[in-house]
Amino acid sequence: MDSISVNRFRDNLKTFVEQVVSNHTPLKVTRRAGEAFVVMSADDWEREQETLYVLQNTSLMQQISDSLDTHNKTTGYKPTDEQLNEITGL
């Protein structure tokens, strides 16, 4: 993650905001007399929140683990050709 001073961020606010939004890379802004802060796009923040929710939800993590096990053992759900055509729209 790139890091810049709060003064440089303030002086070039529009440029840095465009960079954060278009490149989907957060930017750490440091202050002399206080804590640093991070600037990131709203879309990226929402994705981070969704990821944290899944990682903290033991039920969802168990479902993912079970699904991975059945996938690795090739014992998972196998749709018929008709079902595949319906899913893919062919």
PDB file of N, CA and C in Angstrom:
ATOM      1  N   MET A   1       0.855  -1.169   0.000  1.00  0.00           N
ATOM      2  CA  MET A   1       0.000   0.000   0.000  1.00  0.00           C
ATOM      3  C   MET A   1       0.900   1.230   0.000  1.00  0.00           C
ATOM      4  N   ASP A   2       0.604   2.160  -0.895  1.00  0.00           N
ATOM      5  CA  ASP A   2       1.343   3.420  -0.942  1.00  0.00           C
ATOM      6  C   ASP A   2       0.984   4.276   0.258  1.00  0.00           C
ATOM      7  N   SER A   3       1.925   5.128   0.650  1.00  0.00           N
ATOM      8  CA  SER A   3       1.718   6.000   1.797  1.00  0.00           C
ATOM      9  C   SER A   3       2.167   7.417   1.434  1.00  0.00           C
ATOM     10  N   ILE A   4       1.335   8.399   1.817  1.00  0.00           N
ATOM     11  CA  ILE A   4       1.674   9.796   1.552  1.00  0.00           C
ATOM     12  C   ILE A   4       1.314  10.641   2.775  1.00  0.00           C
ATOM     13  N   SER A   5       1.856  11.851   2.810  1.00  0.00           N
ATOM     14  CA  SER A   5       1.537  12.762   3.913  1.00  0.00           C
ATOM     15  C   SER A   5       0.155  13.377   3.698  1.00  0.00           C
ATOM     16  N   VAL A   6      -0.455  13.807   4.789  1.00  0.00           N
ATOM     17  CA  VAL A   6      -1.770  14.428   4.698  1.00  0.00           C
ATOM     18  C   VAL A   6      -1.704  15.728   3.896  1.00  0.00           C
ATOM     19  N   ASN A   7      -0.586  16.450   3.979  1.00  0.00           N
ATOM     20  CA  ASN A   7      -0.447  17.690   3.207  1.00  0.00           C
ATOM     21  C   ASN A   7      -0.430  17.408   1.706  1.00  0.00           C
ATOM     22  N   ARG A   8       0.312  16.389   1.309  1.00  0.00           N
ATOM     23  CA  ARG A   8       0.364  16.038  -0.114  1.00  0.00           C
ATOM     24  C   ARG A   8      -0.998  15.534  -0.582  1.00  0.00           C
ATOM     25  N   PHE A   9      -1.671  14.766   0.267  1.00  0.00           N
ATOM     26  CA  PHE A   9      -3.004  14.269  -0.071  1.00  0.00           C
ATOM     27  C   PHE A   9      -3.971  15.432  -0.265  1.00  0.00           C
ATOM     28  N   ARG A  10      -3.959  16.379   0.647  1.00  0.00           N
ATOM     29  CA  ARG A  10      -4.852  17.538   0.569  1.00  0.00           C
ATOM     30  C   ARG A  10      -4.579  18.350  -0.693  1.00  0.00           C
ATOM     31  N   ASP A  11      -3.298  18.555  -1.011  1.00  0.00           N
ATOM     32  CA  ASP A  11      -2.940  19.368  -2.175  1.00  0.00           C
ATOM     33  C   ASP A  11      -3.312  18.713  -3.505  1.00  0.00           C
ATOM     34  N   ASN A  12      -3.417  17.392  -3.499  1.00  0.00           N
ATOM     35  CA  ASN A  12      -3.716  16.657  -4.741  1.00  0.00           C
ATOM     36  C   ASN A  12      -4.911  15.725  -4.558  1.00  0.00           C
ATOM     37  N   LEU A  13      -5.883  16.180  -3.814  1.00  0.00           N
ATOM     38  CA  LEU A  13      -7.023  15.350  -3.427  1.00  0.00           C
ATOM     39  C   LEU A  13      -7.699  14.670  -4.614  1.00  0.00           C
ATOM     40  N   LYS A  14      -8.054  15.446  -5.623  1.00  0.00           N
ATOM     41  CA  LYS A  14      -8.779  14.884  -6.765  1.00  0.00           C
ATOM     42  C   LYS A  14      -7.966  13.787  -7.450  1.00  0.00           C
ATOM     43  N   THR A  15      -6.689  14.023  -7.651  1.00  0.00           N
ATOM     44  CA  THR A  15      -5.828  13.041  -8.314  1.00  0.00           C
ATOM     45  C   THR A  15      -5.751  11.747  -7.518  1.00  0.00           C
ATOM     46  N   PHE A  16      -5.547  11.870  -6.207  1.00  0.00           N
ATOM     47  CA  PHE A  16      -5.429  10.664  -5.382  1.00  0.00           C
ATOM     48  C   PHE A  16      -6.741   9.910  -5.272  1.00  0.00           C
ATOM     49  N   VAL A  17      -7.847  10.619  -5.197  1.00  0.00           N
ATOM     50  CA  VAL A  17      -9.149   9.943  -5.135  1.00  0.00           C
ATOM     51  C   VAL A  17      -9.401   9.189  -6.435  1.00  0.00           C
ATOM     52  N   GLU A  18      -9.124   9.806  -7.556  1.00  0.00           N
ATOM     53  CA  GLU A  18      -9.293   9.127  -8.850  1.00  0.00           C
ATOM     54  C   GLU A  18      -8.412   7.882  -8.923  1.00  0.00           C
ATOM     55  N   GLN A  19      -7.196   7.987  -8.434  1.00  0.00           N
ATOM     56  CA  GLN A  19      -6.261   6.860  -8.448  1.00  0.00           C
ATOM     57  C   GLN A  19      -6.791   5.708  -7.593  1.00  0.00           C
ATOM     58  N   VAL A  20      -7.278   6.015  -6.403  1.00  0.00           N
ATOM     59  CA  VAL A  20      -7.806   4.995  -5.495  1.00  0.00           C
ATOM     60  C   VAL A  20      -9.012   4.298  -6.116  1.00  0.00           C
ATOM     61  N   VAL A  21      -9.912   5.062  -6.697  1.00  0.00           N
ATOM     62  CA  VAL A  21     -11.134   4.493  -7.265  1.00  0.00           C
ATOM     63  C   VAL A  21     -10.838   3.681  -8.523  1.00  0.00           C
ATOM     64  N   SER A  22     -10.030   4.218  -9.417  1.00  0.00           N
ATOM     65  CA  SER A  22      -9.801   3.528 -10.695  1.00  0.00           C
ATOM     66  C   SER A  22      -8.870   2.330 -10.578  1.00  0.00           C
ATOM     67  N   ASN A  23      -7.884   2.386  -9.673  1.00  0.00           N
ATOM     68  CA  ASN A  23      -6.925   1.279  -9.539  1.00  0.00           C
ATOM     69  C   ASN A  23      -7.307   0.273  -8.460  1.00  0.00           C
ATOM     70  N   HIS A  24      -8.340   0.583  -7.699  1.00  0.00           N
ATOM     71  CA  HIS A  24      -8.769  -0.290  -6.595  1.00  0.00           C
ATOM     72  C   HIS A  24      -7.617  -0.590  -5.644  1.00  0.00           C
ATOM     73  N   THR A  25      -6.822   0.435  -5.357  1.00  0.00           N
ATOM     74  CA  THR A  25      -5.730   0.293  -4.407  1.00  0.00           C
ATOM     75  C   THR A  25      -5.904   1.311  -3.296  1.00  0.00           C
ATOM     76  N   PRO A  26      -5.928   0.859  -2.052  1.00  0.00           N
ATOM     77  CA  PRO A  26      -6.066   1.809  -0.946  1.00  0.00           C
ATOM     78  C   PRO A  26      -4.820   2.666  -0.805  1.00  0.00           C
ATOM     79  N   LEU A  27      -4.971   3.788  -0.144  1.00  0.00           N
ATOM     80  CA  LEU A  27      -3.881   4.738   0.044  1.00  0.00           C
ATOM     81  C   LEU A  27      -3.798   5.103   1.521  1.00  0.00           C
ATOM     82  N   LYS A  28      -2.635   4.927   2.112  1.00  0.00           N
ATOM     83  CA  LYS A  28      -2.428   5.276   3.512  1.00  0.00           C
ATOM     84  C   LYS A  28      -1.978   6.730   3.593  1.00  0.00           C
ATOM     85  N   VAL A  29      -2.680   7.518   4.400  1.00  0.00           N
ATOM     86  CA  VAL A  29      -2.366   8.942   4.563  1.00  0.00           C
ATOM     87  C   VAL A  29      -1.859   9.129   5.992  1.00  0.00           C
ATOM     88  N   THR A  30      -0.645   9.647   6.112  1.00  0.00           N
ATOM     89  CA  THR A  30      -0.030   9.808   7.425  1.00  0.00           C
ATOM     90  C   THR A  30      -0.131  11.252   7.894  1.00  0.00           C
ATOM     91  N   ARG A  31      -0.275  11.408   9.216  1.00  0.00           N
ATOM     92  CA  ARG A  31      -0.347  12.734   9.822  1.00  0.00           C
ATOM     93  C   ARG A  31       0.768  12.850  10.849  1.00  0.00           C
ATOM     94  N   ARG A  32       1.326  14.041  10.973  1.00  0.00           N
ATOM     95  CA  ARG A  32       2.415  14.252  11.932  1.00  0.00           C
ATOM     96  C   ARG A  32       1.989  14.011  13.364  1.00  0.00           C
ATOM     97  N   ALA A  33       0.873  14.569  13.748  1.00  0.00           N
ATOM     98  CA  ALA A  33       0.478  14.551  15.154  1.00  0.00           C
ATOM     99  C   ALA A  33      -0.675  13.598  15.443  1.00  0.00           C
ATOM    100  N   GLY A  34      -0.823  12.572  14.649  1.00  0.00           N
ATOM    101  CA  GLY A  34      -1.946  11.678  14.907  1.00  0.00           C
ATOM    102  C   GLY A  34      -1.843  10.385  14.139  1.00  0.00           C
ATOM    103  N   GLU A  35      -2.891   9.617  14.260  1.00  0.00           N
ATOM    104  CA  GLU A  35      -2.957   8.331  13.588  1.00  0.00           C
ATOM    105  C   GLU A  35      -3.091   8.507  12.077  1.00  0.00           C
ATOM    106  N   ALA A  36      -2.552   7.562  11.361  1.00  0.00           N
ATOM    107  CA  ALA A  36      -2.718   7.540   9.916  1.00  0.00           C
ATOM    108  C   ALA A  36      -4.130   7.053   9.594  1.00  0.00           C
ATOM    109  N   PHE A  37      -4.571   7.282   8.369  1.00  0.00           N
ATOM    110  CA  PHE A  37      -5.860   6.755   7.925  1.00  0.00           C
ATOM    111  C   PHE A  37      -5.716   6.231   6.509  1.00  0.00           C
ATOM    112  N   VAL A  38      -6.683   5.443   6.100  1.00  0.00           N
ATOM    113  CA  VAL A  38      -6.648   4.800   4.790  1.00  0.00           C
ATOM    114  C   VAL A  38      -7.821   5.297   3.964  1.00  0.00           C
ATOM    115  N   VAL A  39      -7.543   5.594   2.701  1.00  0.00           N
ATOM    116  CA  VAL A  39      -8.571   6.009   1.756  1.00  0.00           C
ATOM    117  C   VAL A  39      -8.758   4.855   0.763  1.00  0.00           C
ATOM    118  N   MET A  40     -10.026   4.437   0.610  1.00  0.00           N
ATOM    119  CA  MET A  40     -10.322   3.386  -0.358  1.00  0.00           C
ATOM    120  C   MET A  40     -11.700   3.641  -0.959  1.00  0.00           C
ATOM    121  N   SER A  41     -11.955   3.045  -2.121  1.00  0.00           N
ATOM    122  CA  SER A  41     -13.250   3.257  -2.770  1.00  0.00           C
ATOM    123  C   SER A  41     -14.351   2.576  -1.967  1.00  0.00           C
ATOM    124  N   ALA A  42     -15.559   3.080  -2.104  1.00  0.00           N
ATOM    125  CA  ALA A  42     -16.709   2.500  -1.406  1.00  0.00           C
ATOM    126  C   ALA A  42     -16.947   1.058  -1.850  1.00  0.00           C
ATOM    127  N   ASP A  43     -16.788   0.774  -3.144  1.00  0.00           N
ATOM    128  CA  ASP A  43     -16.970  -0.594  -3.641  1.00  0.00           C
ATOM    129  C   ASP A  43     -15.980  -1.548  -2.987  1.00  0.00           C
ATOM    130  N   ASP A  44     -14.714  -1.120  -2.895  1.00  0.00           N
ATOM    131  CA  ASP A  44     -13.698  -1.965  -2.274  1.00  0.00           C
ATOM    132  C   ASP A  44     -13.996  -2.177  -0.793  1.00  0.00           C
ATOM    133  N   TRP A  45     -14.458  -1.127  -0.117  1.00  0.00           N
ATOM    134  CA  TRP A  45     -14.790  -1.243   1.296  1.00  0.00           C
ATOM    135  C   TRP A  45     -15.926  -2.229   1.508  1.00  0.00           C
ATOM    136  N   GLU A  46     -16.954  -2.173   0.654  1.00  0.00           N
ATOM    137  CA  GLU A  46     -18.077  -3.096   0.763  1.00  0.00           C
ATOM    138  C   GLU A  46     -17.632  -4.537   0.538  1.00  0.00           C
ATOM    139  N   ARG A  47     -16.737  -4.754  -0.431  1.00  0.00           N
ATOM    140  CA  ARG A  47     -16.208  -6.101  -0.673  1.00  0.00           C
ATOM    141  C   ARG A  47     -15.443  -6.610   0.547  1.00  0.00           C
ATOM    142  N   GLU A  48     -14.651  -5.732   1.144  1.00  0.00           N
ATOM    143  CA  GLU A  48     -13.904  -6.103   2.350  1.00  0.00           C
ATOM    144  C   GLU A  48     -14.856  -6.502   3.475  1.00  0.00           C
ATOM    145  N   GLN A  49     -15.932  -5.748   3.643  1.00  0.00           N
ATOM    146  CA  GLN A  49     -16.905  -6.047   4.691  1.00  0.00           C
ATOM    147  C   GLN A  49     -17.578  -7.393   4.446  1.00  0.00           C
ATOM    148  N   GLU A  50     -17.919  -7.681   3.189  1.00  0.00           N
ATOM    149  CA  GLU A  50     -18.533  -8.963   2.862  1.00  0.00           C
ATOM    150  C   GLU A  50     -17.573 -10.113   3.144  1.00  0.00           C
ATOM    151  N   THR A  51     -16.311  -9.931   2.786  1.00  0.00           N
ATOM    152  CA  THR A  51     -15.300 -10.958   3.046  1.00  0.00           C
ATOM    153  C   THR A  51     -15.146 -11.201   4.541  1.00  0.00           C
ATOM    154  N   LEU A  52     -15.069 -10.131   5.320  1.00  0.00           N
ATOM    155  CA  LEU A  52     -14.957 -10.272   6.766  1.00  0.00           C
ATOM    156  C   LEU A  52     -16.163 -10.993   7.343  1.00  0.00           C
ATOM    157  N   TYR A  53     -17.348 -10.690   6.839  1.00  0.00           N
ATOM    158  CA  TYR A  53     -18.561 -11.354   7.313  1.00  0.00           C
ATOM    159  C   TYR A  53     -18.480 -12.861   7.083  1.00  0.00           C
ATOM    160  N   VAL A  54     -18.077 -13.257   5.886  1.00  0.00           N
ATOM    161  CA  VAL A  54     -17.984 -14.685   5.569  1.00  0.00           C
ATOM    162  C   VAL A  54     -16.924 -15.350   6.449  1.00  0.00           C
ATOM    163  N   LEU A  55     -15.770 -14.717   6.580  1.00  0.00           N
ATOM    164  CA  LEU A  55     -14.690 -15.307   7.371  1.00  0.00           C
ATOM    165  C   LEU A  55     -15.056 -15.450   8.845  1.00  0.00           C
ATOM    166  N   GLN A  56     -15.900 -14.573   9.355  1.00  0.00           N
ATOM    167  CA  GLN A  56     -16.284 -14.620  10.763  1.00  0.00           C
ATOM    168  C   GLN A  56     -17.501 -15.511  11.011  1.00  0.00           C
ATOM    169  N   ASN A  57     -18.161 -15.948   9.958  1.00  0.00           N
ATOM    170  CA  ASN A  57     -19.362 -16.761  10.088  1.00  0.00           C
ATOM    171  C   ASN A  57     -18.962 -18.239  10.014  1.00  0.00           C
ATOM    172  N   THR A  58     -18.973 -18.916  11.162  1.00  0.00           N
ATOM    173  CA  THR A  58     -18.508 -20.303  11.199  1.00  0.00           C
ATOM    174  C   THR A  58     -19.380 -21.230  10.352  1.00  0.00           C
ATOM    175  N   SER A  59     -20.678 -20.948  10.276  1.00  0.00           N
ATOM    176  CA  SER A  59     -21.566 -21.781   9.475  1.00  0.00           C
ATOM    177  C   SER A  59     -21.203 -21.693   7.987  1.00  0.00           C
ATOM    178  N   LEU A  60     -20.994 -20.479   7.494  1.00  0.00           N
ATOM    179  CA  LEU A  60     -20.610 -20.317   6.084  1.00  0.00           C
ATOM    180  C   LEU A  60     -19.248 -20.937   5.800  1.00  0.00           C
ATOM    181  N   MET A  61     -18.308 -20.761   6.716  1.00  0.00           N
ATOM    182  CA  MET A  61     -16.979 -21.339   6.517  1.00  0.00           C
ATOM    183  C   MET A  61     -17.056 -22.867   6.496  1.00  0.00           C
ATOM    184  N   GLN A  62     -17.934 -23.445   7.308  1.00  0.00           N
ATOM    185  CA  GLN A  62     -18.112 -24.898   7.302  1.00  0.00           C
ATOM    186  C   GLN A  62     -18.711 -25.355   5.977  1.00  0.00           C
ATOM    187  N   GLN A  63     -19.682 -24.606   5.451  1.00  0.00           N
ATOM    188  CA  GLN A  63     -20.274 -24.947   4.149  1.00  0.00           C
ATOM    189  C   GLN A  63     -19.223 -24.892   3.049  1.00  0.00           C
ATOM    190  N   ILE A  64     -18.357 -23.889   3.090  1.00  0.00           N
ATOM    191  CA  ILE A  64     -17.289 -23.771   2.087  1.00  0.00           C
ATOM    192  C   ILE A  64     -16.337 -24.949   2.203  1.00  0.00           C
ATOM    193  N   SER A  65     -15.975 -25.305   3.426  1.00  0.00           N
ATOM    194  CA  SER A  65     -15.069 -26.433   3.657  1.00  0.00           C
ATOM    195  C   SER A  65     -15.683 -27.745   3.165  1.00  0.00           C
ATOM    196  N   ASP A  66     -16.954 -27.961   3.484  1.00  0.00           N
ATOM    197  CA  ASP A  66     -17.650 -29.178   3.036  1.00  0.00           C
ATOM    198  C   ASP A  66     -17.721 -29.228   1.512  1.00  0.00           C
ATOM    199  N   SER A  67     -17.998 -28.091   0.908  1.00  0.00           N
ATOM    200  CA  SER A  67     -18.079 -28.022  -0.548  1.00  0.00           C
ATOM    201  C   SER A  67     -16.729 -28.343  -1.185  1.00  0.00           C
ATOM    202  N   LEU A  68     -15.666 -27.837  -0.595  1.00  0.00           N
ATOM    203  CA  LEU A  68     -14.325 -28.112  -1.110  1.00  0.00           C
ATOM    204  C   LEU A  68     -14.005 -29.599  -0.998  1.00  0.00           C
ATOM    205  N   ASP A  69     -14.404 -30.215   0.120  1.00  0.00           N
ATOM    206  CA  ASP A  69     -14.174 -31.653   0.286  1.00  0.00           C
ATOM    207  C   ASP A  69     -14.897 -32.461  -0.790  1.00  0.00           C
ATOM    208  N   THR A  70     -16.180 -32.156  -1.024  1.00  0.00           N
ATOM    209  CA  THR A  70     -16.920 -32.914  -2.042  1.00  0.00           C
ATOM    210  C   THR A  70     -16.364 -32.645  -3.437  1.00  0.00           C
ATOM    211  N   HIS A  71     -15.892 -31.429  -3.669  1.00  0.00           N
ATOM    212  CA  HIS A  71     -15.282 -31.117  -4.971  1.00  0.00           C
ATOM    213  C   HIS A  71     -14.014 -31.932  -5.169  1.00  0.00           C
ATOM    214  N   ASN A  72     -13.156 -31.966  -4.148  1.00  0.00           N
ATOM    215  CA  ASN A  72     -11.890 -32.702  -4.258  1.00  0.00           C
ATOM    216  C   ASN A  72     -12.116 -34.202  -4.409  1.00  0.00           C
ATOM    217  N   LYS A  73     -13.189 -34.709  -3.826  1.00  0.00           N
ATOM    218  CA  LYS A  73     -13.504 -36.136  -3.931  1.00  0.00           C
ATOM    219  C   LYS A  73     -14.378 -36.433  -5.143  1.00  0.00           C
ATOM    220  N   THR A  74     -14.728 -35.410  -5.889  1.00  0.00           N
ATOM    221  CA  THR A  74     -15.647 -35.486  -7.039  1.00  0.00           C
ATOM    222  C   THR A  74     -16.939 -36.219  -6.675  1.00  0.00           C
ATOM    223  N   THR A  75     -17.448 -35.928  -5.469  1.00  0.00           N
ATOM    224  CA  THR A  75     -18.702 -36.537  -5.015  1.00  0.00           C
ATOM    225  C   THR A  75     -19.809 -35.502  -4.897  1.00  0.00           C
ATOM    226  N   GLY A  76     -19.555 -34.321  -5.408  1.00  0.00           N
ATOM    227  CA  GLY A  76     -20.530 -33.242  -5.302  1.00  0.00           C
ATOM    228  C   GLY A  76     -21.648 -33.366  -6.318  1.00  0.00           C
ATOM    229  N   TYR A  77     -22.485 -32.381  -6.352  1.00  0.00           N
ATOM    230  CA  TYR A  77     -23.641 -32.333  -7.244  1.00  0.00           C
ATOM    231  C   TYR A  77     -23.185 -32.277  -8.691  1.00  0.00           C
ATOM    232  N   LYS A  78     -23.798 -33.119  -9.524  1.00  0.00           N
ATOM    233  CA  LYS A  78     -23.491 -33.138 -10.952  1.00  0.00           C
ATOM    234  C   LYS A  78     -24.792 -32.966 -11.713  1.00  0.00           C
ATOM    235  N   PRO A  79     -25.004 -31.782 -12.297  1.00  0.00           N
ATOM    236  CA  PRO A  79     -26.256 -31.561 -13.034  1.00  0.00           C
ATOM    237  C   PRO A  79     -26.306 -32.392 -14.310  1.00  0.00           C
ATOM    238  N   THR A  80     -27.516 -32.686 -14.743  1.00  0.00           N
ATOM    239  CA  THR A  80     -27.703 -33.394 -16.001  1.00  0.00           C
ATOM    240  C   THR A  80     -27.409 -32.422 -17.143  1.00  0.00           C
ATOM    241  N   ASP A  81     -27.309 -32.952 -18.350  1.00  0.00           N
ATOM    242  CA  ASP A  81     -27.080 -32.097 -19.523  1.00  0.00           C
ATOM    243  C   ASP A  81     -28.211 -31.084 -19.674  1.00  0.00           C
ATOM    244  N   GLU A  82     -29.434 -31.527 -19.417  1.00  0.00           N
ATOM    245  CA  GLU A  82     -30.584 -30.625 -19.520  1.00  0.00           C
ATOM    246  C   GLU A  82     -30.478 -29.488 -18.489  1.00  0.00           C
ATOM    247  N   GLN A  83     -30.105 -29.835 -17.292  1.00  0.00           N
ATOM    248  CA  GLN A  83     -29.938 -28.817 -16.249  1.00  0.00           C
ATOM    249  C   GLN A  83     -28.802 -27.847 -16.606  1.00  0.00           C
ATOM    250  N   LEU A  84     -27.720 -28.381 -17.141  1.00  0.00           N
ATOM    251  CA  LEU A  84     -26.602 -27.521 -17.555  1.00  0.00           C
ATOM    252  C   LEU A  84     -27.035 -26.554 -18.647  1.00  0.00           C
ATOM    253  N   ASN A  85     -27.808 -27.047 -19.599  1.00  0.00           N
ATOM    254  CA  ASN A  85     -28.293 -26.180 -20.678  1.00  0.00           C
ATOM    255  C   ASN A  85     -29.195 -25.089 -20.121  1.00  0.00           C
ATOM    256  N   GLU A  86     -30.017 -25.425 -19.139  1.00  0.00           N
ATOM    257  CA  GLU A  86     -30.899 -24.449 -18.528  1.00  0.00           C
ATOM    258  C   GLU A  86     -30.085 -23.402 -17.760  1.00  0.00           C
ATOM    259  N   ILE A  87     -29.070 -23.842 -17.044  1.00  0.00           N
ATOM    260  CA  ILE A  87     -28.207 -22.932 -16.269  1.00  0.00           C
ATOM    261  C   ILE A  87     -27.442 -21.989 -17.190  1.00  0.00           C
ATOM    262  N   THR A  88     -26.876 -22.530 -18.245  1.00  0.00           N
ATOM    263  CA  THR A  88     -26.044 -21.725 -19.141  1.00  0.00           C
ATOM    264  C   THR A  88     -26.844 -21.007 -20.208  1.00  0.00           C
ATOM    265  N   GLY A  89     -28.111 -21.370 -20.356  1.00  0.00           N
ATOM    266  CA  GLY A  89     -28.951 -20.701 -21.346  1.00  0.00           C
ATOM    267  C   GLY A  89     -28.707 -21.176 -22.768  1.00  0.00           C
ATOM    268  N   LEU A  90     -28.145 -22.362 -22.929  1.00  0.00           N
ATOM    269  CA  LEU A  90     -27.886 -22.910 -24.271  1.00  0.00           C
ATOM    270  C   LEU A  90     -29.047 -23.724 -24.766  1.00  0.00           C
TER     271      LEU A  90
END
